Amino acid sequence: MIVLSGSDIDDVVKFISKLDYDHGKKIFLQRVYLDLNTACKLHILSFIEERSRSDISRRAIQMMIDDYEREYGNLINLVKRDILMWI
């Protein structure tokens, strides 16, 4: 079961409404705080793989989303069905 606070719901509604007209645009979402060890490894991986740190982070996030959706279904459809119907 998905549990969101009021401000989380507002953010989700805002993002979903943007999807109707703005499909491929990249946006700056938030800064990510990493411990020093992880940050160092990210820099090393970026150098070795010749990819930006943003690209590596984006791919890791997309992999987690893909894994979740394989098990539970499309996240946007889940939210539209289970949460937005109650607003």
Protein backbone atom coordinates (compact mmCIF):
# COMPACT_ATOMS: atom_id res chain seq x y z
CA MET A 1 0.00 0.00 0.00
CA ILE A 2 1.32 3.45 -0.92
CA VAL A 3 1.16 6.07 1.83
CA LEU A 4 1.85 9.71 1.00
CA SER A 5 1.54 12.93 2.99
CA GLY A 6 -0.41 15.92 1.68
CA SER A 7 2.63 17.65 0.16
CA ASP A 8 3.78 14.37 -1.42
CA ILE A 9 0.36 13.96 -3.03
CA ASP A 10 0.53 17.53 -4.34
CA ASP A 11 3.95 16.83 -5.87
CA VAL A 12 2.73 13.59 -7.48
CA VAL A 13 -0.36 15.30 -8.92
CA LYS A 14 1.84 18.10 -10.31
CA PHE A 15 4.23 15.67 -12.00
CA ILE A 16 1.47 13.48 -13.42
CA SER A 17 -0.34 16.50 -14.86
CA LYS A 18 2.90 17.55 -16.60
CA LEU A 19 3.20 14.11 -18.20
CA ASP A 20 0.13 14.80 -20.31
CA TYR A 21 1.99 17.40 -22.36
CA ASP A 22 5.72 17.11 -21.58
CA HIS A 23 6.99 13.56 -22.11
CA GLY A 24 10.72 13.60 -22.82
CA LYS A 25 11.98 16.69 -21.04
CA LYS A 26 14.70 16.20 -18.42
CA ILE A 27 14.31 18.16 -15.20
CA PHE A 28 16.57 18.83 -12.24
CA LEU A 29 14.78 17.08 -9.41
CA GLN A 30 16.93 17.24 -6.31
CA ARG A 31 20.41 17.03 -4.90
CA VAL A 32 21.50 13.70 -3.51
CA TYR A 33 23.63 13.56 -0.39
CA LEU A 34 26.17 10.74 -0.36
CA ASP A 35 28.66 9.67 2.25
CA LEU A 36 32.27 10.41 1.32
CA ASN A 37 33.06 6.79 0.46
CA THR A 38 30.13 6.49 -1.95
CA ALA A 39 30.85 9.90 -3.50
CA CYS A 40 34.46 8.88 -4.10
CA LYS A 41 33.37 5.63 -5.74
CA LEU A 42 30.89 7.51 -7.93
CA HIS A 43 33.68 9.81 -9.15
CA ILE A 44 35.92 6.81 -9.86
CA LEU A 45 33.13 4.97 -11.68
CA SER A 46 32.38 8.07 -13.71
CA PHE A 47 36.02 8.28 -14.76
CA ILE A 48 36.34 4.56 -15.57
CA GLU A 49 33.05 4.33 -17.46
CA GLU A 50 33.48 7.73 -19.13
CA ARG A 51 29.94 8.68 -18.10
CA SER A 52 28.72 11.65 -16.12
CA ARG A 53 27.82 11.16 -12.49
CA SER A 54 24.31 12.31 -13.39
CA ASP A 55 24.03 9.61 -16.04
CA ILE A 56 25.18 6.93 -13.61
CA SER A 57 22.69 8.13 -10.99
CA ARG A 58 19.89 8.35 -13.56
CA ARG A 59 20.59 4.79 -14.74
CA ALA A 60 20.66 3.45 -11.17
CA ILE A 61 17.33 5.12 -10.39
CA GLN A 62 15.82 3.83 -13.64
CA MET A 63 16.99 0.29 -12.81
CA MET A 64 15.28 0.46 -9.42
CA ILE A 65 12.07 1.77 -10.99
CA ASP A 66 12.18 -0.97 -13.65
CA ASP A 67 12.66 -3.65 -10.96
CA TYR A 68 9.75 -2.27 -8.94
CA GLU A 69 7.47 -2.05 -11.97
CA ARG A 70 8.29 -5.61 -13.05
CA GLU A 71 6.97 -6.80 -9.70
CA TYR A 72 4.07 -4.39 -9.07
CA GLY A 73 3.15 -2.76 -12.39
CA ASN A 74 3.48 0.73 -13.80
CA LEU A 75 3.95 3.24 -10.97
CA ILE A 76 2.01 6.04 -12.64
CA ASN A 77 -0.95 3.76 -13.32
CA LEU A 78 -0.83 2.49 -9.71
CA VAL A 79 -0.94 6.04 -8.37
CA LYS A 80 -3.71 7.09 -10.73
CA ARG A 81 -5.77 4.07 -9.72
CA ASP A 82 -5.06 3.85 -5.99
CA ILE A 83 -4.36 7.40 -4.83
CA LEU A 84 -5.68 10.04 -7.18
CA MET A 85 -9.18 8.54 -7.15
CA TRP A 86 -9.40 9.55 -3.45
CA ILE A 87 -8.53 13.21 -4.04
